[in-house]
């Protein structure tokens, strides 16, 4: 009988795949037995789906579909000559520094984006950090520019501080 020696890279690959499988099975078992989720909405996010002002909606040729977790699917084309805008939620921010993130891919001020507007007409386009000098009310909008076709999902995150927040937190111990 002839022995075949396995290459080191194959042994490493098998060990890595086995480790991932064990972790996935372990996470499933822990979640099932304890009810502890490894993926949770970010508790620091000041934009909460329970406070959205919109339901599933179609404005013109653009459809806004709010998922259970608060992500917003936007599909369609703005065939008008005006910006298509949809108000999502209003929030009052205290004095401090905040960071807003859209969670959408390929946003641009020339196509589509997420924006916070205050009552004085000031705008903060998402994926930016800004400072509030006194308590101020803001409304969050999704904006689609004229002639733009959109098929994306927004996962809006507004957190206190100068670092962008994640839409989800992963693991048992989320900070």
N, C-alpha and C. Protein backbone atom coordinates (compact mmCIF):
# COMPACT_ATOMS: atom_id res chain seq x y z
N UNK A 1 0.84 -1.17 0.00
CA UNK A 1 0.00 0.00 0.00
C UNK A 1 0.88 1.24 0.00
N UNK A 2 0.56 2.17 -0.89
CA UNK A 2 1.35 3.38 -1.04
C UNK A 2 0.70 4.53 -0.29
N UNK A 3 1.48 5.29 0.50
CA UNK A 3 0.98 6.45 1.23
C UNK A 3 1.12 7.68 0.36
N UNK A 4 0.06 8.50 0.33
CA UNK A 4 0.08 9.75 -0.41
C UNK A 4 0.17 10.87 0.61
N UNK A 5 1.15 11.72 0.44
CA UNK A 5 1.35 12.83 1.38
C UNK A 5 0.53 14.04 0.90
N UNK A 6 -0.24 14.60 1.81
CA UNK A 6 -1.08 15.74 1.48
C UNK A 6 -0.25 17.03 1.55
N UNK A 7 -0.38 17.93 0.57
CA UNK A 7 0.35 19.21 0.62
C UNK A 7 -0.09 20.04 1.82
N UNK A 8 0.82 20.86 2.36
CA UNK A 8 0.51 21.69 3.53
C UNK A 8 -0.65 22.63 3.27
N UNK A 9 -0.69 23.24 2.06
CA UNK A 9 -1.76 24.19 1.77
C UNK A 9 -3.14 23.52 1.81
N UNK A 10 -3.23 22.26 1.40
CA UNK A 10 -4.49 21.54 1.43
C UNK A 10 -4.91 21.27 2.87
N UNK A 11 -3.95 20.91 3.70
CA UNK A 11 -4.23 20.66 5.11
C UNK A 11 -4.71 21.95 5.80
N UNK A 12 -4.06 23.06 5.49
CA UNK A 12 -4.45 24.35 6.07
C UNK A 12 -5.86 24.73 5.60
N UNK A 13 -6.15 24.53 4.33
CA UNK A 13 -7.48 24.84 3.79
C UNK A 13 -8.55 23.99 4.46
N UNK A 14 -8.29 22.71 4.63
CA UNK A 14 -9.26 21.83 5.30
C UNK A 14 -9.50 22.27 6.73
N UNK A 15 -8.45 22.63 7.44
CA UNK A 15 -8.58 23.10 8.83
C UNK A 15 -9.37 24.40 8.90
N UNK A 16 -9.11 25.32 7.98
CA UNK A 16 -9.82 26.60 7.96
C UNK A 16 -11.31 26.40 7.70
N UNK A 17 -11.64 25.57 6.72
CA UNK A 17 -13.04 25.30 6.41
C UNK A 17 -13.75 24.61 7.57
N UNK A 18 -13.07 23.68 8.22
CA UNK A 18 -13.65 22.99 9.37
C UNK A 18 -13.90 23.97 10.52
N UNK A 19 -12.97 24.91 10.73
CA UNK A 19 -13.13 25.91 11.80
C UNK A 19 -14.34 26.80 11.53
N UNK A 20 -14.51 27.25 10.30
CA UNK A 20 -15.66 28.09 9.94
C UNK A 20 -16.96 27.32 10.16
N UNK A 21 -16.98 26.07 9.76
CA UNK A 21 -18.18 25.25 9.94
C UNK A 21 -18.52 25.09 11.42
N UNK A 22 -17.51 24.82 12.24
CA UNK A 22 -17.73 24.67 13.68
C UNK A 22 -18.26 25.96 14.29
N UNK A 23 -17.69 27.10 13.90
CA UNK A 23 -18.17 28.40 14.41
C UNK A 23 -19.60 28.67 14.00
N UNK A 24 -19.94 28.40 12.75
CA UNK A 24 -21.31 28.63 12.27
C UNK A 24 -22.31 27.75 13.00
N UNK A 25 -21.97 26.49 13.18
CA UNK A 25 -22.85 25.57 13.90
C UNK A 25 -22.98 26.00 15.35
N UNK A 26 -21.87 26.40 15.97
CA UNK A 26 -21.90 26.85 17.37
C UNK A 26 -22.76 28.10 17.53
N UNK A 27 -22.63 29.05 16.62
CA UNK A 27 -23.43 30.28 16.69
C UNK A 27 -24.91 29.97 16.55
N UNK A 28 -25.25 29.06 15.66
CA UNK A 28 -26.65 28.67 15.46
C UNK A 28 -27.20 28.00 16.72
N UNK A 29 -26.42 27.13 17.32
CA UNK A 29 -26.87 26.44 18.54
C UNK A 29 -27.07 27.44 19.68
N UNK A 30 -26.11 28.34 19.88
CA UNK A 30 -26.23 29.32 20.95
C UNK A 30 -27.44 30.22 20.72
N UNK A 31 -27.64 30.68 19.49
CA UNK A 31 -28.79 31.53 19.18
C UNK A 31 -30.09 30.79 19.44
N UNK A 32 -30.17 29.54 19.04
CA UNK A 32 -31.38 28.74 19.23
C UNK A 32 -31.66 28.50 20.71
N UNK A 33 -30.64 28.14 21.47
CA UNK A 33 -30.84 27.80 22.88
C UNK A 33 -31.05 29.02 23.77
N UNK A 34 -30.35 30.11 23.49
CA UNK A 34 -30.38 31.27 24.39
C UNK A 34 -31.22 32.42 23.87
N UNK A 35 -31.49 32.44 22.57
CA UNK A 35 -32.21 33.57 21.99
C UNK A 35 -31.32 34.77 21.75
N UNK A 36 -30.04 34.65 22.03
CA UNK A 36 -29.10 35.74 21.83
C UNK A 36 -28.78 35.84 20.34
N UNK A 37 -28.95 37.01 19.77
CA UNK A 37 -28.67 37.22 18.36
C UNK A 37 -27.24 37.69 18.17
N UNK A 38 -26.59 37.22 17.13
CA UNK A 38 -25.24 37.67 16.81
C UNK A 38 -25.26 38.90 15.93
N UNK A 39 -26.41 39.20 15.33
CA UNK A 39 -26.56 40.37 14.47
C UNK A 39 -27.73 41.18 15.01
N UNK A 40 -27.43 42.38 15.51
CA UNK A 40 -28.46 43.22 16.08
C UNK A 40 -28.36 44.62 15.50
N UNK A 41 -29.50 45.33 15.47
CA UNK A 41 -29.47 46.72 15.05
C UNK A 41 -28.62 47.51 16.04
N UNK A 42 -27.92 48.49 15.54
CA UNK A 42 -27.06 49.34 16.35
C UNK A 42 -27.92 50.17 17.30
N UNK A 43 -27.79 49.95 18.59
CA UNK A 43 -28.59 50.66 19.60
C UNK A 43 -28.24 52.14 19.67
N UNK A 44 -27.06 52.54 19.18
CA UNK A 44 -26.66 53.94 19.20
C UNK A 44 -27.23 54.73 18.03
N UNK A 45 -27.85 54.05 17.07
CA UNK A 45 -28.41 54.72 15.90
C UNK A 45 -29.63 55.55 16.33
N UNK A 46 -29.60 56.84 16.08
CA UNK A 46 -30.68 57.74 16.46
C UNK A 46 -31.83 57.70 15.46
N UNK A 47 -31.65 56.98 14.36
CA UNK A 47 -32.71 56.80 13.36
C UNK A 47 -33.30 55.42 13.59
N UNK A 48 -34.54 55.39 14.05
CA UNK A 48 -35.18 54.15 14.46
C UNK A 48 -36.37 53.86 13.56
N UNK A 49 -36.46 52.67 13.02
CA UNK A 49 -37.55 52.31 12.10
C UNK A 49 -38.92 52.51 12.74
N UNK A 50 -39.04 52.35 14.03
CA UNK A 50 -40.33 52.53 14.69
C UNK A 50 -40.81 53.98 14.64
N UNK A 51 -39.91 54.90 14.33
CA UNK A 51 -40.26 56.32 14.27
C UNK A 51 -40.35 56.86 12.84
N UNK A 52 -40.19 56.00 11.84
CA UNK A 52 -40.29 56.46 10.45
C UNK A 52 -41.67 57.06 10.20
N UNK A 53 -41.72 58.10 9.38
CA UNK A 53 -42.97 58.73 8.99
C UNK A 53 -43.56 58.11 7.73
N UNK A 54 -42.85 57.17 7.10
CA UNK A 54 -43.34 56.60 5.85
C UNK A 54 -43.65 55.13 6.02
N UNK A 55 -44.53 54.67 5.19
CA UNK A 55 -44.79 53.24 5.07
C UNK A 55 -44.35 52.87 3.66
N UNK A 56 -44.57 51.62 3.28
CA UNK A 56 -44.27 51.27 1.89
C UNK A 56 -45.03 52.26 1.03
N UNK A 57 -44.36 52.85 0.07
CA UNK A 57 -44.95 53.96 -0.65
C UNK A 57 -44.39 54.01 -2.06
N UNK A 58 -45.20 54.55 -2.95
CA UNK A 58 -44.74 54.78 -4.30
C UNK A 58 -45.02 56.24 -4.61
N UNK A 59 -43.97 56.99 -4.90
CA UNK A 59 -44.11 58.40 -5.26
C UNK A 59 -43.72 58.52 -6.72
N UNK A 60 -44.71 58.76 -7.56
CA UNK A 60 -44.42 58.83 -8.99
C UNK A 60 -43.93 57.48 -9.45
N UNK A 61 -42.78 57.46 -10.08
CA UNK A 61 -42.22 56.23 -10.62
C UNK A 61 -41.17 55.63 -9.69
N UNK A 62 -41.04 56.15 -8.48
CA UNK A 62 -40.06 55.65 -7.52
C UNK A 62 -40.80 54.97 -6.37
N UNK A 63 -40.41 53.71 -6.08
CA UNK A 63 -41.03 52.95 -5.00
C UNK A 63 -40.10 52.90 -3.80
N UNK A 64 -40.66 53.20 -2.63
CA UNK A 64 -39.94 53.15 -1.36
C UNK A 64 -40.52 51.99 -0.56
N UNK A 65 -39.69 51.00 -0.25
CA UNK A 65 -40.13 49.81 0.47
C UNK A 65 -39.33 49.70 1.76
N UNK A 66 -40.00 49.90 2.89
CA UNK A 66 -39.35 49.85 4.20
C UNK A 66 -39.36 48.41 4.71
N UNK A 67 -38.17 47.87 4.96
CA UNK A 67 -38.02 46.52 5.49
C UNK A 67 -38.24 46.54 7.00
N UNK A 68 -38.47 45.36 7.58
CA UNK A 68 -38.72 45.26 9.02
C UNK A 68 -37.59 45.83 9.86
N UNK A 69 -36.36 45.73 9.36
CA UNK A 69 -35.21 46.21 10.13
C UNK A 69 -34.92 47.70 9.90
N UNK A 70 -35.73 48.37 9.05
CA UNK A 70 -35.56 49.80 8.84
C UNK A 70 -34.79 50.17 7.59
N UNK A 71 -34.21 49.20 6.91
CA UNK A 71 -33.55 49.53 5.65
C UNK A 71 -34.62 49.89 4.63
N UNK A 72 -34.28 50.79 3.71
CA UNK A 72 -35.25 51.31 2.76
C UNK A 72 -34.77 51.00 1.35
N UNK A 73 -35.53 50.14 0.65
CA UNK A 73 -35.23 49.84 -0.75
C UNK A 73 -35.90 50.91 -1.60
N UNK A 74 -35.12 51.46 -2.52
CA UNK A 74 -35.64 52.50 -3.40
C UNK A 74 -35.38 52.07 -4.84
N UNK A 75 -36.47 51.99 -5.63
CA UNK A 75 -36.35 51.54 -7.01
C UNK A 75 -37.22 52.43 -7.90
N UNK A 76 -36.72 52.68 -9.10
CA UNK A 76 -37.50 53.42 -10.08
C UNK A 76 -36.66 54.47 -10.77
N UNK A 77 -37.34 55.39 -11.43
CA UNK A 77 -36.65 56.45 -12.16
C UNK A 77 -37.38 57.77 -11.92
N UNK A 78 -36.61 58.82 -11.65
CA UNK A 78 -37.18 60.15 -11.51
C UNK A 78 -37.22 60.78 -12.90
N UNK A 79 -38.38 60.67 -13.54
CA UNK A 79 -38.52 61.19 -14.90
C UNK A 79 -39.01 62.63 -14.92
N UNK A 80 -39.03 63.28 -13.74
CA UNK A 80 -39.46 64.68 -13.68
C UNK A 80 -38.25 65.60 -13.84
N UNK A 81 -38.50 66.89 -13.80
CA UNK A 81 -37.42 67.88 -13.89
C UNK A 81 -37.04 68.43 -12.51
N UNK A 82 -37.66 67.88 -11.49
CA UNK A 82 -37.40 68.29 -10.10
C UNK A 82 -36.79 67.13 -9.32
N UNK A 83 -36.14 67.45 -8.21
CA UNK A 83 -35.68 66.39 -7.31
C UNK A 83 -36.88 65.62 -6.77
N UNK A 84 -36.78 64.32 -6.74
CA UNK A 84 -37.78 63.49 -6.05
C UNK A 84 -37.26 63.32 -4.63
N UNK A 85 -38.06 63.74 -3.65
CA UNK A 85 -37.63 63.69 -2.25
C UNK A 85 -38.66 62.98 -1.42
N UNK A 86 -38.19 62.19 -0.48
CA UNK A 86 -39.07 61.48 0.42
C UNK A 86 -38.59 61.69 1.85
N UNK A 87 -39.44 62.31 2.68
CA UNK A 87 -39.11 62.50 4.10
C UNK A 87 -39.21 61.14 4.80
N UNK A 88 -38.22 60.85 5.65
CA UNK A 88 -38.16 59.57 6.33
C UNK A 88 -38.51 59.70 7.81
N UNK A 89 -37.85 60.63 8.49
CA UNK A 89 -38.00 60.75 9.93
C UNK A 89 -37.53 62.13 10.37
N UNK A 90 -38.11 62.62 11.45
CA UNK A 90 -37.63 63.86 12.07
C UNK A 90 -36.99 63.52 13.41
N UNK A 91 -35.88 64.19 13.70
CA UNK A 91 -35.18 63.98 14.97
C UNK A 91 -34.75 65.33 15.53
N UNK A 92 -34.69 65.42 16.84
CA UNK A 92 -34.15 66.60 17.50
C UNK A 92 -32.80 66.21 18.06
N UNK A 93 -31.76 66.95 17.66
CA UNK A 93 -30.41 66.66 18.12
C UNK A 93 -29.96 67.71 19.11
N UNK A 94 -29.40 67.24 20.22
CA UNK A 94 -28.84 68.14 21.22
C UNK A 94 -27.48 68.64 20.75
N UNK A 95 -26.94 69.59 21.49
CA UNK A 95 -25.61 70.13 21.20
C UNK A 95 -24.60 68.98 21.18
N UNK A 96 -23.72 68.99 20.17
CA UNK A 96 -22.70 67.94 20.08
C UNK A 96 -22.31 67.66 18.65
N UNK A 97 -21.44 66.67 18.52
CA UNK A 97 -20.95 66.26 17.21
C UNK A 97 -21.64 64.95 16.80
N UNK A 98 -22.03 64.85 15.52
CA UNK A 98 -22.76 63.70 15.01
C UNK A 98 -22.18 63.28 13.66
N UNK A 99 -22.41 62.01 13.31
CA UNK A 99 -22.02 61.50 11.99
C UNK A 99 -23.23 60.81 11.39
N UNK A 100 -23.53 61.18 10.14
CA UNK A 100 -24.64 60.58 9.39
C UNK A 100 -24.09 59.74 8.25
N UNK A 101 -24.64 58.54 8.10
CA UNK A 101 -24.22 57.62 7.03
C UNK A 101 -25.46 57.12 6.30
N UNK A 102 -25.35 56.98 4.98
CA UNK A 102 -26.50 56.53 4.18
C UNK A 102 -26.60 55.01 4.12
N UNK A 103 -25.47 54.32 4.20
CA UNK A 103 -25.47 52.88 4.06
C UNK A 103 -25.79 52.41 2.66
N UNK A 104 -25.88 53.34 1.71
CA UNK A 104 -26.19 52.99 0.32
C UNK A 104 -24.92 53.07 -0.53
N UNK A 105 -24.90 52.28 -1.57
CA UNK A 105 -23.75 52.29 -2.47
C UNK A 105 -23.97 53.29 -3.59
N UNK A 106 -22.87 53.88 -4.03
CA UNK A 106 -22.84 54.77 -5.19
C UNK A 106 -23.69 56.03 -5.03
N UNK A 107 -23.77 56.56 -3.79
CA UNK A 107 -24.48 57.82 -3.62
C UNK A 107 -23.61 58.96 -4.15
N UNK A 108 -24.27 60.02 -4.58
CA UNK A 108 -23.56 61.19 -5.11
C UNK A 108 -24.54 62.35 -5.11
N UNK A 109 -24.05 63.55 -4.91
CA UNK A 109 -24.93 64.73 -4.94
C UNK A 109 -25.50 64.97 -6.33
N UNK A 110 -25.00 64.27 -7.35
CA UNK A 110 -25.53 64.44 -8.69
C UNK A 110 -26.49 63.32 -9.10
N UNK A 111 -26.68 62.30 -8.23
CA UNK A 111 -27.59 61.20 -8.58
C UNK A 111 -28.64 61.00 -7.48
N UNK A 112 -28.26 60.37 -6.37
CA UNK A 112 -29.18 60.17 -5.25
C UNK A 112 -28.37 60.15 -3.96
N UNK A 113 -29.02 60.55 -2.87
CA UNK A 113 -28.31 60.65 -1.60
C UNK A 113 -29.30 60.80 -0.45
N UNK A 114 -28.77 60.72 0.76
CA UNK A 114 -29.51 60.93 1.99
C UNK A 114 -29.10 62.28 2.53
N UNK A 115 -30.04 63.08 3.02
CA UNK A 115 -29.72 64.41 3.51
C UNK A 115 -30.53 64.73 4.76
N UNK A 116 -29.88 65.42 5.71
CA UNK A 116 -30.56 65.95 6.89
C UNK A 116 -30.77 67.44 6.65
N UNK A 117 -31.99 67.92 6.88
CA UNK A 117 -32.28 69.35 6.73
C UNK A 117 -32.82 69.88 8.04
N UNK A 118 -32.30 71.06 8.44
CA UNK A 118 -32.85 71.70 9.62
C UNK A 118 -33.98 72.64 9.20
N UNK A 119 -34.64 73.24 10.17
CA UNK A 119 -35.78 74.10 9.88
C UNK A 119 -35.38 75.42 9.21
N UNK A 120 -34.11 75.75 9.25
CA UNK A 120 -33.61 76.98 8.62
C UNK A 120 -33.14 76.73 7.18
N UNK A 121 -33.24 75.51 6.70
CA UNK A 121 -32.83 75.19 5.33
C UNK A 121 -31.41 74.69 5.21
N UNK A 122 -30.71 74.55 6.33
CA UNK A 122 -29.35 74.00 6.29
C UNK A 122 -29.38 72.52 5.95
N UNK A 123 -28.40 72.05 5.19
CA UNK A 123 -28.35 70.65 4.77
C UNK A 123 -27.04 69.99 5.15
N UNK A 124 -27.14 68.75 5.57
CA UNK A 124 -25.97 67.90 5.80
C UNK A 124 -26.19 66.67 4.95
N UNK A 125 -25.38 66.51 3.90
CA UNK A 125 -25.49 65.33 3.05
C UNK A 125 -24.78 64.17 3.75
N UNK A 126 -25.42 63.01 3.72
CA UNK A 126 -24.92 61.85 4.45
C UNK A 126 -23.49 61.49 4.09
N UNK A 127 -22.90 60.75 5.02
CA UNK A 127 -21.51 60.33 4.98
C UNK A 127 -20.62 61.51 5.33
N UNK A 128 -21.06 62.22 6.39
CA UNK A 128 -20.34 63.40 6.86
C UNK A 128 -20.51 63.52 8.37
N UNK A 129 -19.59 64.26 8.99
CA UNK A 129 -19.66 64.58 10.41
C UNK A 129 -19.99 66.06 10.53
N UNK A 130 -20.83 66.41 11.50
CA UNK A 130 -21.25 67.80 11.67
C UNK A 130 -21.44 68.11 13.15
N UNK A 131 -21.49 69.40 13.46
CA UNK A 131 -21.63 69.85 14.84
C UNK A 131 -22.93 70.62 15.02
N UNK A 132 -23.66 70.30 16.07
CA UNK A 132 -24.89 71.00 16.43
C UNK A 132 -24.54 71.91 17.60
N UNK A 133 -24.82 73.21 17.48
CA UNK A 133 -24.45 74.17 18.52
C UNK A 133 -25.56 74.41 19.53
N UNK A 134 -26.79 74.09 19.17
CA UNK A 134 -27.92 74.17 20.09
C UNK A 134 -28.95 73.16 19.64
N UNK A 135 -29.83 72.70 20.53
CA UNK A 135 -30.81 71.70 20.12
C UNK A 135 -31.54 72.15 18.85
N UNK A 136 -31.56 71.24 17.86
CA UNK A 136 -32.12 71.58 16.55
C UNK A 136 -32.92 70.40 16.01
N UNK A 137 -34.03 70.71 15.35
CA UNK A 137 -34.86 69.69 14.72
C UNK A 137 -34.40 69.49 13.27
N UNK A 138 -34.24 68.24 12.89
CA UNK A 138 -33.82 67.87 11.53
C UNK A 138 -34.82 66.88 10.95
N UNK A 139 -34.96 66.91 9.64
CA UNK A 139 -35.73 65.90 8.93
C UNK A 139 -34.80 65.21 7.95
N UNK A 140 -34.89 63.89 7.92
CA UNK A 140 -34.06 63.07 7.03
C UNK A 140 -34.84 62.79 5.75
N UNK A 141 -34.18 63.02 4.60
CA UNK A 141 -34.80 62.79 3.29
C UNK A 141 -33.92 61.89 2.43
N UNK A 142 -34.57 61.14 1.55
CA UNK A 142 -33.89 60.50 0.43
C UNK A 142 -34.18 61.38 -0.78
N UNK A 143 -33.12 61.74 -1.52
CA UNK A 143 -33.26 62.62 -2.68
C UNK A 143 -32.78 61.86 -3.92
N UNK A 144 -33.60 61.91 -4.98
CA UNK A 144 -33.23 61.35 -6.27
C UNK A 144 -33.30 62.48 -7.29
N UNK A 145 -32.19 62.74 -7.95
CA UNK A 145 -32.09 63.85 -8.89
C UNK A 145 -32.89 63.54 -10.18
N UNK A 146 -33.26 64.59 -10.93
CA UNK A 146 -34.02 64.41 -12.17
C UNK A 146 -33.27 63.53 -13.17
N UNK A 147 -34.03 62.63 -13.83
CA UNK A 147 -33.47 61.77 -14.87
C UNK A 147 -32.65 60.61 -14.35
N UNK A 148 -32.64 60.39 -13.03
CA UNK A 148 -31.81 59.34 -12.44
C UNK A 148 -32.64 58.09 -12.17
N UNK A 149 -32.08 56.95 -12.56
CA UNK A 149 -32.67 55.66 -12.24
C UNK A 149 -31.99 55.14 -10.98
N UNK A 150 -32.79 54.58 -10.08
CA UNK A 150 -32.25 54.12 -8.80
C UNK A 150 -32.72 52.71 -8.50
N UNK A 151 -31.83 51.91 -7.94
CA UNK A 151 -32.13 50.57 -7.45
C UNK A 151 -31.11 50.29 -6.36
N UNK A 152 -31.39 50.80 -5.17
CA UNK A 152 -30.44 50.66 -4.07
C UNK A 152 -31.19 50.56 -2.76
N UNK A 153 -30.45 50.22 -1.72
CA UNK A 153 -31.01 50.13 -0.37
C UNK A 153 -30.26 51.08 0.55
N UNK A 154 -31.00 51.92 1.25
CA UNK A 154 -30.43 52.82 2.24
C UNK A 154 -30.54 52.16 3.61
N UNK A 155 -29.47 52.25 4.39
CA UNK A 155 -29.45 51.77 5.77
C UNK A 155 -28.95 52.95 6.61
N UNK A 156 -29.84 53.94 6.86
CA UNK A 156 -29.41 55.18 7.50
C UNK A 156 -28.95 55.00 8.94
N UNK A 157 -27.81 55.64 9.25
CA UNK A 157 -27.26 55.60 10.60
C UNK A 157 -26.86 57.01 11.00
N UNK A 158 -27.35 57.45 12.15
CA UNK A 158 -26.99 58.74 12.73
C UNK A 158 -26.54 58.46 14.15
N UNK A 159 -25.26 58.74 14.42
CA UNK A 159 -24.71 58.48 15.75
C UNK A 159 -24.00 59.71 16.28
N UNK A 160 -23.93 59.79 17.58
CA UNK A 160 -23.19 60.86 18.23
C UNK A 160 -21.70 60.56 18.09
N UNK A 161 -20.91 61.60 17.80
CA UNK A 161 -19.46 61.43 17.69
C UNK A 161 -18.97 61.65 16.28
N UNK A 162 -17.65 61.47 16.10
CA UNK A 162 -17.04 61.77 14.81
C UNK A 162 -16.70 60.53 13.99
N UNK A 163 -17.19 59.37 14.43
CA UNK A 163 -16.94 58.13 13.69
C UNK A 163 -18.27 57.58 13.16
N UNK A 164 -18.29 57.13 11.89
CA UNK A 164 -19.52 56.55 11.35
C UNK A 164 -19.93 55.32 12.15
N UNK A 165 -21.22 55.15 12.30
CA UNK A 165 -21.74 53.97 12.97
C UNK A 165 -22.11 52.89 11.97
N UNK A 166 -22.16 51.67 12.43
CA UNK A 166 -22.60 50.55 11.60
C UNK A 166 -24.10 50.36 11.78
N UNK A 167 -24.77 49.89 10.76
CA UNK A 167 -26.20 49.64 10.86
C UNK A 167 -26.47 48.47 11.80
N UNK A 168 -25.62 47.46 11.74
CA UNK A 168 -25.73 46.30 12.61
C UNK A 168 -24.52 46.22 13.53
N UNK A 169 -24.72 45.56 14.66
CA UNK A 169 -23.62 45.17 15.54
C UNK A 169 -23.61 43.65 15.53
N UNK A 170 -22.42 43.08 15.56
CA UNK A 170 -22.28 41.63 15.49
C UNK A 170 -21.64 41.11 16.75
N UNK A 171 -22.08 39.95 17.19
CA UNK A 171 -21.50 39.29 18.35
C UNK A 171 -22.44 39.31 19.53
N UNK A 172 -22.05 38.60 20.55
CA UNK A 172 -22.88 38.52 21.75
C UNK A 172 -22.74 39.81 22.56
N UNK A 173 -21.53 40.32 22.66
CA UNK A 173 -21.27 41.50 23.46
C UNK A 173 -21.09 42.69 22.55
N UNK A 174 -22.17 43.43 22.32
CA UNK A 174 -22.13 44.60 21.45
C UNK A 174 -21.94 45.84 22.28
N UNK A 175 -20.98 46.66 21.89
CA UNK A 175 -20.73 47.90 22.62
C UNK A 175 -21.55 49.01 22.03
